[in-house]
Amino acid sequence: MNVVLFGPPGAGKGTQAKELSQKYDIPHISTGDILRANVREGTELGLKAKEYMDKGELVPDQVLIGLIKDRLEEPDCANGYLLDGYPRTIPQADALTGILNEINKPLDSVINMGVGDEELVKRLSGRRSCKCGESYHIMFNSPKEEGVCNACGGQLYQRDDDREDVIRQRLAVYNDKTKPLIEYYDNAGLLVNVDGAGLVDSVLADICKIMDQYK
């Protein structure tokens, strides 16, 4: 099964993808992970990507799609893949379609996890992090002692990109640049909508009902 997991920041794509990857034994492919792995391994495309990253610039689409193509051709994708974080624009979607057709791994479905903006702000602004790597949420996964990490006793902090003003800017960018893909994939007959605002297990069950069709 070949699936794109789609949705705004804070929709829970990463959480769901981890569970789905284990359940269906297909790799969860994150563009961020692909970039970091290729840079770390010093591949030709990874070195090209690093040139842009070191300048603080976005990696061009042609480099990114090359990295994705290489990843999708690896043996663990033989039974399918779960793509997360790509595409983000219509030109990227066009490029992805071309690559998938070339390697004979076309999409079965694009699962859109819909969540309202106010719920997303609540989810993201409530996150707290610790330097040791542990993470919490003031509503859903609060530490035993307010502001203190359970694991190491360190002081918890709010990441800059979890501030409400930054979150709303991220959502504005998503609505402007990425949300048009909903219509794009709907017109292609690939889009399936899931209510992403429910409990994690409930959302997972809804996604599994869709993915079971492609087993």
N, C-alpha and C. Protein backbone atom coordinates (compact mmCIF):
# COMPACT_ATOMS: atom_id res chain seq x y z
N MET A 1 0.84 -1.19 0.00
CA MET A 1 0.00 0.00 0.00
C MET A 1 0.88 1.24 0.00
N ASN A 2 0.53 2.18 -0.85
CA ASN A 2 1.31 3.40 -1.03
C ASN A 2 0.47 4.59 -0.61
N VAL A 3 0.85 5.24 0.46
CA VAL A 3 -0.02 6.24 1.09
C VAL A 3 0.75 7.50 1.44
N VAL A 4 0.11 8.65 1.23
CA VAL A 4 0.58 9.92 1.77
C VAL A 4 -0.31 10.27 2.96
N LEU A 5 0.31 10.58 4.10
CA LEU A 5 -0.42 11.04 5.27
C LEU A 5 -0.34 12.55 5.29
N PHE A 6 -1.50 13.20 5.21
CA PHE A 6 -1.56 14.63 4.97
C PHE A 6 -2.29 15.33 6.12
N GLY A 7 -1.91 16.57 6.41
CA GLY A 7 -2.60 17.32 7.44
C GLY A 7 -1.74 18.47 7.93
N PRO A 8 -2.34 19.40 8.66
CA PRO A 8 -1.61 20.59 9.13
C PRO A 8 -0.65 20.27 10.26
N PRO A 9 0.23 21.21 10.61
CA PRO A 9 1.12 21.02 11.77
C PRO A 9 0.29 20.76 13.02
N GLY A 10 0.66 19.73 13.77
CA GLY A 10 -0.06 19.42 15.00
C GLY A 10 -1.22 18.47 14.82
N ALA A 11 -1.46 18.00 13.59
CA ALA A 11 -2.58 17.09 13.35
C ALA A 11 -2.32 15.70 13.93
N GLY A 12 -1.06 15.38 14.19
CA GLY A 12 -0.73 14.07 14.75
C GLY A 12 -0.22 13.08 13.73
N LYS A 13 0.29 13.58 12.61
CA LYS A 13 0.76 12.70 11.54
C LYS A 13 1.89 11.78 12.02
N GLY A 14 2.86 12.36 12.73
CA GLY A 14 3.99 11.57 13.20
C GLY A 14 3.57 10.48 14.16
N THR A 15 2.66 10.80 15.07
CA THR A 15 2.16 9.82 16.04
C THR A 15 1.46 8.67 15.33
N GLN A 16 0.60 8.99 14.40
CA GLN A 16 -0.14 7.96 13.67
C GLN A 16 0.79 7.15 12.77
N ALA A 17 1.72 7.83 12.12
CA ALA A 17 2.62 7.15 11.19
C ALA A 17 3.45 6.08 11.90
N LYS A 18 3.88 6.35 13.11
CA LYS A 18 4.66 5.38 13.88
C LYS A 18 3.85 4.10 14.10
N GLU A 19 2.59 4.26 14.50
CA GLU A 19 1.73 3.10 14.74
C GLU A 19 1.42 2.35 13.44
N LEU A 20 1.14 3.10 12.39
CA LEU A 20 0.77 2.49 11.11
C LEU A 20 1.95 1.74 10.49
N SER A 21 3.14 2.30 10.64
CA SER A 21 4.33 1.65 10.11
C SER A 21 4.54 0.28 10.73
N GLN A 22 4.33 0.19 12.04
CA GLN A 22 4.49 -1.08 12.73
C GLN A 22 3.37 -2.07 12.36
N LYS A 23 2.16 -1.57 12.31
CA LYS A 23 1.01 -2.44 12.04
C LYS A 23 1.07 -3.06 10.65
N TYR A 24 1.45 -2.26 9.65
CA TYR A 24 1.41 -2.73 8.27
C TYR A 24 2.80 -3.10 7.72
N ASP A 25 3.83 -2.96 8.55
CA ASP A 25 5.19 -3.32 8.17
C ASP A 25 5.63 -2.62 6.88
N ILE A 26 5.37 -1.32 6.84
CA ILE A 26 5.85 -0.48 5.74
C ILE A 26 6.58 0.71 6.36
N PRO A 27 7.60 1.24 5.68
CA PRO A 27 8.39 2.32 6.28
C PRO A 27 7.65 3.65 6.32
N HIS A 28 7.84 4.36 7.43
CA HIS A 28 7.36 5.74 7.55
C HIS A 28 8.47 6.62 7.00
N ILE A 29 8.18 7.29 5.91
CA ILE A 29 9.20 8.08 5.22
C ILE A 29 8.94 9.57 5.43
N SER A 30 9.81 10.19 6.19
CA SER A 30 9.74 11.62 6.47
C SER A 30 10.82 12.33 5.66
N THR A 31 10.45 13.39 4.97
CA THR A 31 11.44 14.11 4.16
C THR A 31 12.58 14.64 5.02
N GLY A 32 12.27 15.06 6.23
CA GLY A 32 13.32 15.53 7.14
C GLY A 32 14.32 14.44 7.46
N ASP A 33 13.81 13.23 7.72
CA ASP A 33 14.69 12.09 8.02
C ASP A 33 15.55 11.74 6.81
N ILE A 34 14.94 11.79 5.61
CA ILE A 34 15.68 11.48 4.38
C ILE A 34 16.84 12.47 4.21
N LEU A 35 16.55 13.75 4.38
CA LEU A 35 17.59 14.77 4.24
C LEU A 35 18.73 14.54 5.21
N ARG A 36 18.39 14.34 6.47
CA ARG A 36 19.43 14.15 7.50
C ARG A 36 20.28 12.91 7.23
N ALA A 37 19.61 11.82 6.80
CA ALA A 37 20.34 10.58 6.53
C ALA A 37 21.31 10.74 5.37
N ASN A 38 20.89 11.41 4.30
CA ASN A 38 21.75 11.58 3.14
C ASN A 38 22.90 12.54 3.43
N VAL A 39 22.65 13.57 4.22
CA VAL A 39 23.72 14.48 4.61
C VAL A 39 24.73 13.74 5.48
N ARG A 40 24.22 12.95 6.42
CA ARG A 40 25.09 12.20 7.33
C ARG A 40 25.95 11.18 6.57
N GLU A 41 25.34 10.54 5.56
CA GLU A 41 26.05 9.50 4.80
C GLU A 41 26.90 10.08 3.67
N GLY A 42 26.74 11.37 3.40
CA GLY A 42 27.57 12.02 2.39
C GLY A 42 27.27 11.59 0.97
N THR A 43 26.00 11.26 0.68
CA THR A 43 25.64 10.88 -0.68
C THR A 43 25.73 12.10 -1.59
N GLU A 44 25.74 11.84 -2.90
CA GLU A 44 25.85 12.94 -3.86
C GLU A 44 24.71 13.94 -3.68
N LEU A 45 23.48 13.44 -3.59
CA LEU A 45 22.34 14.33 -3.40
C LEU A 45 22.36 14.95 -2.00
N GLY A 46 22.86 14.20 -1.02
CA GLY A 46 22.95 14.73 0.33
C GLY A 46 23.90 15.90 0.41
N LEU A 47 25.02 15.82 -0.32
CA LEU A 47 25.99 16.92 -0.33
C LEU A 47 25.40 18.16 -1.01
N LYS A 48 24.61 17.92 -2.08
CA LYS A 48 23.95 19.05 -2.74
C LYS A 48 22.96 19.71 -1.78
N ALA A 49 22.19 18.88 -1.07
CA ALA A 49 21.21 19.42 -0.13
C ALA A 49 21.91 20.22 0.97
N LYS A 50 23.06 19.71 1.44
CA LYS A 50 23.78 20.37 2.53
C LYS A 50 24.23 21.77 2.14
N GLU A 51 24.58 21.96 0.88
CA GLU A 51 25.00 23.29 0.42
C GLU A 51 23.91 24.32 0.69
N TYR A 52 22.67 23.94 0.44
CA TYR A 52 21.55 24.86 0.67
C TYR A 52 21.23 24.99 2.15
N MET A 53 21.26 23.87 2.85
CA MET A 53 20.93 23.88 4.28
C MET A 53 21.93 24.72 5.07
N ASP A 54 23.20 24.64 4.69
CA ASP A 54 24.23 25.41 5.39
C ASP A 54 24.04 26.91 5.20
N LYS A 55 23.38 27.30 4.11
CA LYS A 55 23.10 28.71 3.85
C LYS A 55 21.76 29.15 4.44
N GLY A 56 21.06 28.19 5.07
CA GLY A 56 19.74 28.50 5.61
C GLY A 56 18.68 28.61 4.55
N GLU A 57 18.94 28.03 3.38
CA GLU A 57 17.98 28.09 2.28
C GLU A 57 17.20 26.78 2.16
N LEU A 58 16.02 26.84 1.53
CA LEU A 58 15.24 25.64 1.30
C LEU A 58 15.92 24.77 0.25
N VAL A 59 15.88 23.46 0.47
CA VAL A 59 16.43 22.53 -0.51
C VAL A 59 15.52 22.53 -1.74
N PRO A 60 16.08 22.76 -2.94
CA PRO A 60 15.25 22.83 -4.15
C PRO A 60 14.46 21.54 -4.39
N ASP A 61 13.31 21.70 -5.03
CA ASP A 61 12.44 20.55 -5.29
C ASP A 61 13.15 19.45 -6.06
N GLN A 62 13.99 19.83 -7.04
CA GLN A 62 14.62 18.79 -7.87
C GLN A 62 15.59 17.93 -7.07
N VAL A 63 16.23 18.52 -6.03
CA VAL A 63 17.11 17.75 -5.17
C VAL A 63 16.29 16.86 -4.25
N LEU A 64 15.24 17.43 -3.67
CA LEU A 64 14.40 16.70 -2.72
C LEU A 64 13.70 15.52 -3.39
N ILE A 65 13.18 15.72 -4.58
CA ILE A 65 12.47 14.63 -5.25
C ILE A 65 13.44 13.51 -5.62
N GLY A 66 14.71 13.87 -5.91
CA GLY A 66 15.73 12.85 -6.18
C GLY A 66 16.00 12.00 -4.95
N LEU A 67 16.06 12.65 -3.79
CA LEU A 67 16.25 11.92 -2.53
C LEU A 67 15.08 10.99 -2.25
N ILE A 68 13.88 11.47 -2.49
CA ILE A 68 12.68 10.66 -2.25
C ILE A 68 12.64 9.47 -3.19
N LYS A 69 12.98 9.69 -4.46
CA LYS A 69 13.01 8.59 -5.43
C LYS A 69 13.98 7.50 -4.98
N ASP A 70 15.19 7.90 -4.56
CA ASP A 70 16.17 6.93 -4.09
C ASP A 70 15.64 6.14 -2.89
N ARG A 71 14.97 6.85 -1.98
CA ARG A 71 14.45 6.19 -0.77
C ARG A 71 13.34 5.19 -1.11
N LEU A 72 12.47 5.56 -2.03
CA LEU A 72 11.35 4.68 -2.38
C LEU A 72 11.79 3.44 -3.15
N GLU A 73 13.00 3.48 -3.70
CA GLU A 73 13.53 2.33 -4.43
C GLU A 73 14.30 1.37 -3.54
N GLU A 74 14.40 1.68 -2.24
CA GLU A 74 15.08 0.78 -1.32
C GLU A 74 14.21 -0.45 -1.04
N PRO A 75 14.82 -1.59 -0.68
CA PRO A 75 14.09 -2.86 -0.54
C PRO A 75 12.93 -2.83 0.46
N ASP A 76 13.05 -2.03 1.54
CA ASP A 76 11.99 -2.05 2.55
C ASP A 76 10.69 -1.41 2.07
N CYS A 77 10.72 -0.79 0.87
CA CYS A 77 9.51 -0.20 0.30
C CYS A 77 8.81 -1.14 -0.68
N ALA A 78 9.26 -2.39 -0.73
CA ALA A 78 8.70 -3.34 -1.69
C ALA A 78 7.21 -3.54 -1.49
N ASN A 79 6.75 -3.50 -0.24
CA ASN A 79 5.33 -3.73 0.06
C ASN A 79 4.54 -2.44 0.26
N GLY A 80 5.22 -1.31 0.08
CA GLY A 80 4.53 -0.03 0.22
C GLY A 80 5.32 0.96 1.06
N TYR A 81 4.71 2.10 1.27
CA TYR A 81 5.37 3.16 2.02
C TYR A 81 4.31 4.11 2.58
N LEU A 82 4.71 4.84 3.60
CA LEU A 82 3.87 5.86 4.21
C LEU A 82 4.65 7.17 4.17
N LEU A 83 4.26 8.06 3.28
CA LEU A 83 5.00 9.30 3.05
C LEU A 83 4.40 10.43 3.89
N ASP A 84 5.26 11.10 4.65
CA ASP A 84 4.81 12.14 5.58
C ASP A 84 5.66 13.39 5.38
N GLY A 85 5.00 14.54 5.18
CA GLY A 85 5.73 15.80 5.04
C GLY A 85 6.03 16.18 3.61
N TYR A 86 5.54 15.39 2.68
CA TYR A 86 5.76 15.68 1.27
C TYR A 86 4.64 15.01 0.49
N PRO A 87 4.07 15.68 -0.51
CA PRO A 87 4.39 17.02 -1.01
C PRO A 87 3.73 18.12 -0.16
N ARG A 88 4.23 19.35 -0.35
CA ARG A 88 3.68 20.50 0.35
C ARG A 88 3.14 21.56 -0.60
N THR A 89 3.42 21.41 -1.87
CA THR A 89 2.92 22.36 -2.87
C THR A 89 2.46 21.56 -4.09
N ILE A 90 1.68 22.21 -4.94
CA ILE A 90 1.20 21.52 -6.15
C ILE A 90 2.35 21.16 -7.09
N PRO A 91 3.36 22.04 -7.32
CA PRO A 91 4.50 21.60 -8.14
C PRO A 91 5.19 20.37 -7.58
N GLN A 92 5.31 20.28 -6.25
CA GLN A 92 5.91 19.09 -5.64
C GLN A 92 5.04 17.87 -5.89
N ALA A 93 3.72 18.05 -5.83
CA ALA A 93 2.80 16.93 -6.08
C ALA A 93 2.93 16.44 -7.52
N ASP A 94 3.06 17.37 -8.45
CA ASP A 94 3.24 16.99 -9.86
C ASP A 94 4.54 16.20 -10.03
N ALA A 95 5.60 16.67 -9.39
CA ALA A 95 6.89 16.00 -9.50
C ALA A 95 6.83 14.61 -8.87
N LEU A 96 6.15 14.50 -7.73
CA LEU A 96 6.02 13.21 -7.06
C LEU A 96 5.25 12.22 -7.93
N THR A 97 4.17 12.68 -8.55
CA THR A 97 3.38 11.80 -9.43
C THR A 97 4.25 11.25 -10.55
N GLY A 98 5.09 12.11 -11.13
CA GLY A 98 5.97 11.67 -12.20
C GLY A 98 6.96 10.61 -11.73
N ILE A 99 7.55 10.83 -10.56
CA ILE A 99 8.52 9.88 -10.02
C ILE A 99 7.84 8.55 -9.69
N LEU A 100 6.67 8.60 -9.07
CA LEU A 100 5.98 7.37 -8.68
C LEU A 100 5.57 6.55 -9.89
N ASN A 101 5.17 7.22 -10.94
CA ASN A 101 4.84 6.50 -12.18
C ASN A 101 6.09 5.87 -12.78
N GLU A 102 7.21 6.61 -12.70
CA GLU A 102 8.46 6.11 -13.27
C GLU A 102 8.94 4.84 -12.58
N ILE A 103 8.77 4.76 -11.25
CA ILE A 103 9.23 3.58 -10.51
C ILE A 103 8.10 2.59 -10.25
N ASN A 104 6.95 2.85 -10.86
CA ASN A 104 5.79 1.95 -10.77
C ASN A 104 5.31 1.75 -9.32
N LYS A 105 5.23 2.86 -8.59
CA LYS A 105 4.71 2.81 -7.21
C LYS A 105 3.71 3.94 -7.00
N PRO A 106 2.64 3.97 -7.81
CA PRO A 106 1.67 5.06 -7.70
C PRO A 106 0.93 5.04 -6.36
N LEU A 107 0.40 6.18 -5.98
CA LEU A 107 -0.33 6.29 -4.72
C LEU A 107 -1.63 5.51 -4.75
N ASP A 108 -1.94 4.86 -3.63
CA ASP A 108 -3.25 4.25 -3.44
C ASP A 108 -4.21 5.26 -2.81
N SER A 109 -3.68 6.08 -1.89
CA SER A 109 -4.56 6.98 -1.16
C SER A 109 -3.77 8.13 -0.54
N VAL A 110 -4.45 9.27 -0.40
CA VAL A 110 -3.94 10.40 0.37
C VAL A 110 -4.91 10.61 1.52
N ILE A 111 -4.45 10.31 2.74
CA ILE A 111 -5.31 10.38 3.91
C ILE A 111 -5.12 11.74 4.58
N ASN A 112 -6.16 12.54 4.55
CA ASN A 112 -6.11 13.90 5.08
C ASN A 112 -6.67 13.95 6.49
N MET A 113 -5.81 14.26 7.47
CA MET A 113 -6.22 14.36 8.87
C MET A 113 -6.66 15.80 9.14
N GLY A 114 -7.95 16.03 9.12
CA GLY A 114 -8.49 17.37 9.31
C GLY A 114 -8.62 17.74 10.79
N VAL A 115 -8.08 18.89 11.16
CA VAL A 115 -8.18 19.42 12.53
C VAL A 115 -8.33 20.93 12.43
N GLY A 116 -9.26 21.51 13.20
CA GLY A 116 -9.49 22.95 13.19
C GLY A 116 -8.32 23.74 13.75
N ASP A 117 -8.18 24.98 13.30
CA ASP A 117 -7.04 25.81 13.70
C ASP A 117 -6.95 25.99 15.22
N GLU A 118 -8.07 26.24 15.89
CA GLU A 118 -8.02 26.50 17.33
C GLU A 118 -7.57 25.27 18.11
N GLU A 119 -8.00 24.11 17.67
CA GLU A 119 -7.55 22.86 18.30
C GLU A 119 -6.05 22.68 18.08
N LEU A 120 -5.57 23.01 16.90
CA LEU A 120 -4.14 22.90 16.60
C LEU A 120 -3.31 23.83 17.46
N VAL A 121 -3.80 25.06 17.63
CA VAL A 121 -3.09 26.02 18.49
C VAL A 121 -3.01 25.49 19.91
N LYS A 122 -4.11 24.91 20.40
CA LYS A 122 -4.14 24.36 21.76
C LYS A 122 -3.14 23.20 21.89
N ARG A 123 -3.11 22.34 20.88
CA ARG A 123 -2.20 21.20 20.93
C ARG A 123 -0.73 21.64 20.92
N LEU A 124 -0.39 22.50 19.98
CA LEU A 124 1.01 22.86 19.79
C LEU A 124 1.53 23.79 20.88
N SER A 125 0.71 24.73 21.31
CA SER A 125 1.18 25.70 22.32
C SER A 125 1.31 25.07 23.70
N GLY A 126 0.70 23.90 23.89
CA GLY A 126 0.79 23.22 25.18
C GLY A 126 1.99 22.30 25.32
N ARG A 127 2.78 22.18 24.26
CA ARG A 127 3.94 21.29 24.32
C ARG A 127 5.06 21.91 25.15
N ARG A 128 5.75 21.05 25.90
CA ARG A 128 6.91 21.47 26.68
C ARG A 128 8.04 20.46 26.46
N SER A 129 9.25 20.94 26.40
CA SER A 129 10.39 20.09 26.08
C SER A 129 11.44 20.19 27.17
N CYS A 130 12.30 19.15 27.20
CA CYS A 130 13.44 19.15 28.13
C CYS A 130 14.70 18.91 27.32
N LYS A 131 15.82 19.43 27.80
CA LYS A 131 17.09 19.27 27.10
C LYS A 131 17.50 17.81 26.99
N CYS A 132 16.96 16.94 27.85
CA CYS A 132 17.32 15.52 27.80
C CYS A 132 16.60 14.79 26.67
N GLY A 133 15.64 15.47 26.03
CA GLY A 133 14.92 14.87 24.91
C GLY A 133 13.49 14.47 25.22
N GLU A 134 13.11 14.46 26.49
CA GLU A 134 11.73 14.14 26.87
C GLU A 134 10.80 15.30 26.48
N SER A 135 9.56 14.95 26.17
CA SER A 135 8.58 15.99 25.82
C SER A 135 7.27 15.73 26.57
N TYR A 136 6.54 16.81 26.81
CA TYR A 136 5.30 16.74 27.58
C TYR A 136 4.26 17.66 26.96
N HIS A 137 3.05 17.57 27.51
CA HIS A 137 1.98 18.50 27.12
C HIS A 137 1.23 18.88 28.38
N ILE A 138 0.98 20.17 28.56
CA ILE A 138 0.38 20.63 29.81
C ILE A 138 -1.04 20.11 30.01
N MET A 139 -1.69 19.65 28.92
CA MET A 139 -3.05 19.13 29.05
C MET A 139 -3.11 17.61 28.91
N PHE A 140 -2.34 17.04 27.99
CA PHE A 140 -2.48 15.63 27.65
C PHE A 140 -1.42 14.72 28.25
N ASN A 141 -0.28 15.29 28.62
CA ASN A 141 0.82 14.47 29.15
C ASN A 141 1.68 15.34 30.06
N SER A 142 1.08 15.80 31.14
CA SER A 142 1.76 16.76 32.01
C SER A 142 2.78 16.05 32.90
N PRO A 143 3.86 16.73 33.27
CA PRO A 143 4.85 16.14 34.18
C PRO A 143 4.28 16.03 35.59
N LYS A 144 4.91 15.21 36.42
CA LYS A 144 4.43 15.03 37.80
C LYS A 144 4.50 16.35 38.57
N GLU A 145 5.58 17.08 38.34
CA GLU A 145 5.75 18.40 38.96
C GLU A 145 5.77 19.45 37.85
N GLU A 146 4.96 20.48 37.98
CA GLU A 146 4.83 21.49 36.94
C GLU A 146 6.18 22.09 36.58
N GLY A 147 6.50 22.04 35.27
CA GLY A 147 7.72 22.67 34.78
C GLY A 147 8.99 21.88 34.99
N VAL A 148 8.86 20.64 35.51
CA VAL A 148 10.04 19.84 35.83
C VAL A 148 9.96 18.48 35.12
N CYS A 149 11.03 18.08 34.47
CA CYS A 149 11.08 16.82 33.73
C CYS A 149 11.04 15.62 34.67
N ASN A 150 10.18 14.65 34.38
CA ASN A 150 10.10 13.43 35.19
C ASN A 150 11.40 12.63 35.12
N ALA A 151 12.03 12.64 33.95
CA ALA A 151 13.18 11.76 33.70
C ALA A 151 14.47 12.25 34.35
N CYS A 152 14.74 13.57 34.21
CA CYS A 152 16.05 14.07 34.67
C CYS A 152 15.96 15.20 35.69
N GLY A 153 14.76 15.70 35.92
CA GLY A 153 14.60 16.80 36.88
C GLY A 153 14.94 18.15 36.29
N GLY A 154 15.20 18.20 34.97
CA GLY A 154 15.54 19.45 34.32
C GLY A 154 14.34 20.37 34.17
N GLN A 155 14.62 21.64 33.90
CA GLN A 155 13.57 22.63 33.71
C GLN A 155 12.97 22.51 32.31
N LEU A 156 11.67 22.40 32.22
CA LEU A 156 11.00 22.32 30.94
C LEU A 156 10.89 23.70 30.30
N TYR A 157 10.87 23.72 28.99
CA TYR A 157 10.76 24.98 28.27
C TYR A 157 9.84 24.83 27.07
N GLN A 158 9.38 25.97 26.56
CA GLN A 158 8.54 26.00 25.37
C GLN A 158 9.41 26.38 24.18
N ARG A 159 9.42 25.53 23.15
CA ARG A 159 10.19 25.84 21.95
C ARG A 159 9.63 27.09 21.28
N ASP A 160 10.51 27.82 20.61
CA ASP A 160 10.08 29.05 19.94
C ASP A 160 8.97 28.79 18.93
N ASP A 161 9.04 27.64 18.22
CA ASP A 161 8.01 27.38 17.21
C ASP A 161 6.71 26.85 17.80
N ASP A 162 6.65 26.74 19.15
CA ASP A 162 5.41 26.35 19.82
C ASP A 162 4.71 27.55 20.47
N ARG A 163 5.24 28.75 20.26
CA ARG A 163 4.55 29.95 20.74
C ARG A 163 3.33 30.21 19.86
N GLU A 164 2.27 30.77 20.45
CA GLU A 164 1.01 30.92 19.71
C GLU A 164 1.16 31.76 18.46
N ASP A 165 1.93 32.86 18.51
CA ASP A 165 2.07 33.71 17.34
C ASP A 165 2.77 32.99 16.20
N VAL A 166 3.77 32.17 16.56
CA VAL A 166 4.50 31.41 15.54
C VAL A 166 3.61 30.31 14.96
N ILE A 167 2.83 29.66 15.84
CA ILE A 167 1.92 28.60 15.38
C ILE A 167 0.92 29.15 14.37
N ARG A 168 0.36 30.30 14.68
CA ARG A 168 -0.65 30.87 13.77
C ARG A 168 -0.01 31.25 12.43
N GLN A 169 1.25 31.67 12.45
CA GLN A 169 1.95 31.96 11.20
C GLN A 169 2.19 30.68 10.40
N ARG A 170 2.57 29.61 11.10
CA ARG A 170 2.77 28.32 10.43
C ARG A 170 1.47 27.84 9.80
N LEU A 171 0.37 28.01 10.50
CA LEU A 171 -0.92 27.59 9.96
C LEU A 171 -1.33 28.44 8.77
N ALA A 172 -1.00 29.73 8.81
CA ALA A 172 -1.30 30.61 7.68
C ALA A 172 -0.54 30.16 6.44
N VAL A 173 0.72 29.80 6.62
CA VAL A 173 1.53 29.30 5.50
C VAL A 173 0.95 27.99 4.98
N TYR A 174 0.56 27.12 5.89
CA TYR A 174 -0.05 25.84 5.48
C TYR A 174 -1.32 26.08 4.66
N ASN A 175 -2.18 26.94 5.17
CA ASN A 175 -3.46 27.20 4.49
C ASN A 175 -3.25 27.82 3.11
N ASP A 176 -2.18 28.62 2.98
CA ASP A 176 -1.91 29.28 1.71
C ASP A 176 -1.22 28.37 0.71
N LYS A 177 -0.19 27.64 1.17
CA LYS A 177 0.67 26.88 0.26
C LYS A 177 0.28 25.41 0.13
N THR A 178 -0.14 24.80 1.24
CA THR A 178 -0.30 23.35 1.26
C THR A 178 -1.74 22.89 1.16
N LYS A 179 -2.66 23.64 1.74
CA LYS A 179 -4.06 23.23 1.74
C LYS A 179 -4.64 23.03 0.33
N PRO A 180 -4.18 23.79 -0.70
CA PRO A 180 -4.69 23.54 -2.05
C PRO A 180 -4.48 22.11 -2.55
N LEU A 181 -3.57 21.37 -1.91
CA LEU A 181 -3.36 19.98 -2.30
C LEU A 181 -4.57 19.11 -1.99
N ILE A 182 -5.40 19.55 -1.05
CA ILE A 182 -6.61 18.78 -0.75
C ILE A 182 -7.48 18.69 -1.99
N GLU A 183 -7.70 19.82 -2.65
CA GLU A 183 -8.48 19.81 -3.89
C GLU A 183 -7.75 19.06 -5.00
N TYR A 184 -6.44 19.21 -5.06
CA TYR A 184 -5.61 18.55 -6.08
C TYR A 184 -5.81 17.03 -6.01
N TYR A 185 -5.69 16.47 -4.82
CA TYR A 185 -5.80 15.01 -4.68
C TYR A 185 -7.24 14.54 -4.70
N ASP A 186 -8.17 15.41 -4.31
CA ASP A 186 -9.58 15.08 -4.42
C ASP A 186 -9.96 14.93 -5.89
N ASN A 187 -9.48 15.86 -6.72
CA ASN A 187 -9.75 15.79 -8.16
C ASN A 187 -9.11 14.55 -8.79
N ALA A 188 -8.02 14.08 -8.19
CA ALA A 188 -7.35 12.88 -8.70
C ALA A 188 -8.01 11.60 -8.20
N GLY A 189 -9.02 11.74 -7.34
CA GLY A 189 -9.72 10.57 -6.83
C GLY A 189 -8.96 9.81 -5.76
N LEU A 190 -8.00 10.47 -5.11
CA LEU A 190 -7.15 9.79 -4.14
C LEU A 190 -7.43 10.21 -2.69
N LEU A 191 -8.12 11.31 -2.50
CA LEU A 191 -8.26 11.89 -1.16
C LEU A 191 -9.32 11.17 -0.33
N VAL A 192 -8.94 10.86 0.91
CA VAL A 192 -9.89 10.35 1.91
C VAL A 192 -9.72 11.19 3.17
N ASN A 193 -10.81 11.76 3.66
CA ASN A 193 -10.75 12.63 4.83
C ASN A 193 -11.00 11.85 6.12
N VAL A 194 -10.22 12.17 7.14
CA VAL A 194 -10.38 11.58 8.47
C VAL A 194 -10.43 12.72 9.48
N ASP A 195 -11.33 12.59 10.46
CA ASP A 195 -11.41 13.58 11.53
C ASP A 195 -10.22 13.36 12.47
N GLY A 196 -9.26 14.26 12.41
CA GLY A 196 -8.06 14.12 13.23
C GLY A 196 -8.17 14.73 14.61
N ALA A 197 -9.36 15.23 14.96
CA ALA A 197 -9.51 15.93 16.24
C ALA A 197 -9.87 15.00 17.38
N GLY A 198 -10.13 13.72 17.09
CA GLY A 198 -10.53 12.79 18.12
C GLY A 198 -9.36 12.24 18.92
N LEU A 199 -9.64 11.23 19.75
CA LEU A 199 -8.59 10.57 20.52
C LEU A 199 -7.66 9.82 19.57
N VAL A 200 -6.42 9.66 19.98
CA VAL A 200 -5.40 9.04 19.12
C VAL A 200 -5.85 7.67 18.63
N ASP A 201 -6.36 6.83 19.54
CA ASP A 201 -6.76 5.47 19.16
C ASP A 201 -7.94 5.47 18.20
N SER A 202 -8.84 6.43 18.38
CA SER A 202 -10.01 6.53 17.51
C SER A 202 -9.60 6.95 16.10
N VAL A 203 -8.70 7.91 16.01
CA VAL A 203 -8.20 8.36 14.71
C VAL A 203 -7.44 7.22 14.03
N LEU A 204 -6.64 6.50 14.80
CA LEU A 204 -5.89 5.38 14.25
C LEU A 204 -6.83 4.33 13.66
N ALA A 205 -7.91 4.02 14.37
CA ALA A 205 -8.87 3.02 13.88
C ALA A 205 -9.49 3.47 12.57
N ASP A 206 -9.80 4.75 12.46
CA ASP A 206 -10.39 5.27 11.21
C ASP A 206 -9.42 5.16 10.05
N ILE A 207 -8.15 5.45 10.31
CA ILE A 207 -7.13 5.36 9.25
C ILE A 207 -6.93 3.90 8.84
N CYS A 208 -6.93 3.00 9.82
CA CYS A 208 -6.74 1.58 9.52
C CYS A 208 -7.85 1.04 8.64
N LYS A 209 -9.07 1.50 8.83
CA LYS A 209 -10.18 1.07 7.98
C LYS A 209 -9.91 1.40 6.52
N ILE A 210 -9.28 2.55 6.30
CA ILE A 210 -8.93 2.95 4.92
C ILE A 210 -7.80 2.10 4.39
N MET A 211 -6.74 1.95 5.20
CA MET A 211 -5.56 1.25 4.72
C MET A 211 -5.79 -0.24 4.53
N ASP A 212 -6.72 -0.81 5.29
CA ASP A 212 -7.02 -2.24 5.15
C ASP A 212 -7.53 -2.58 3.76
N GLN A 213 -8.07 -1.58 3.06
CA GLN A 213 -8.57 -1.83 1.70
C GLN A 213 -7.45 -2.13 0.71
N TYR A 214 -6.21 -1.75 1.07
CA TYR A 214 -5.10 -1.88 0.13
C TYR A 214 -4.13 -2.99 0.52
N LYS A 215 -4.50 -3.79 1.52
CA LYS A 215 -3.61 -4.87 1.97
C LYS A 215 -3.50 -5.95 0.91
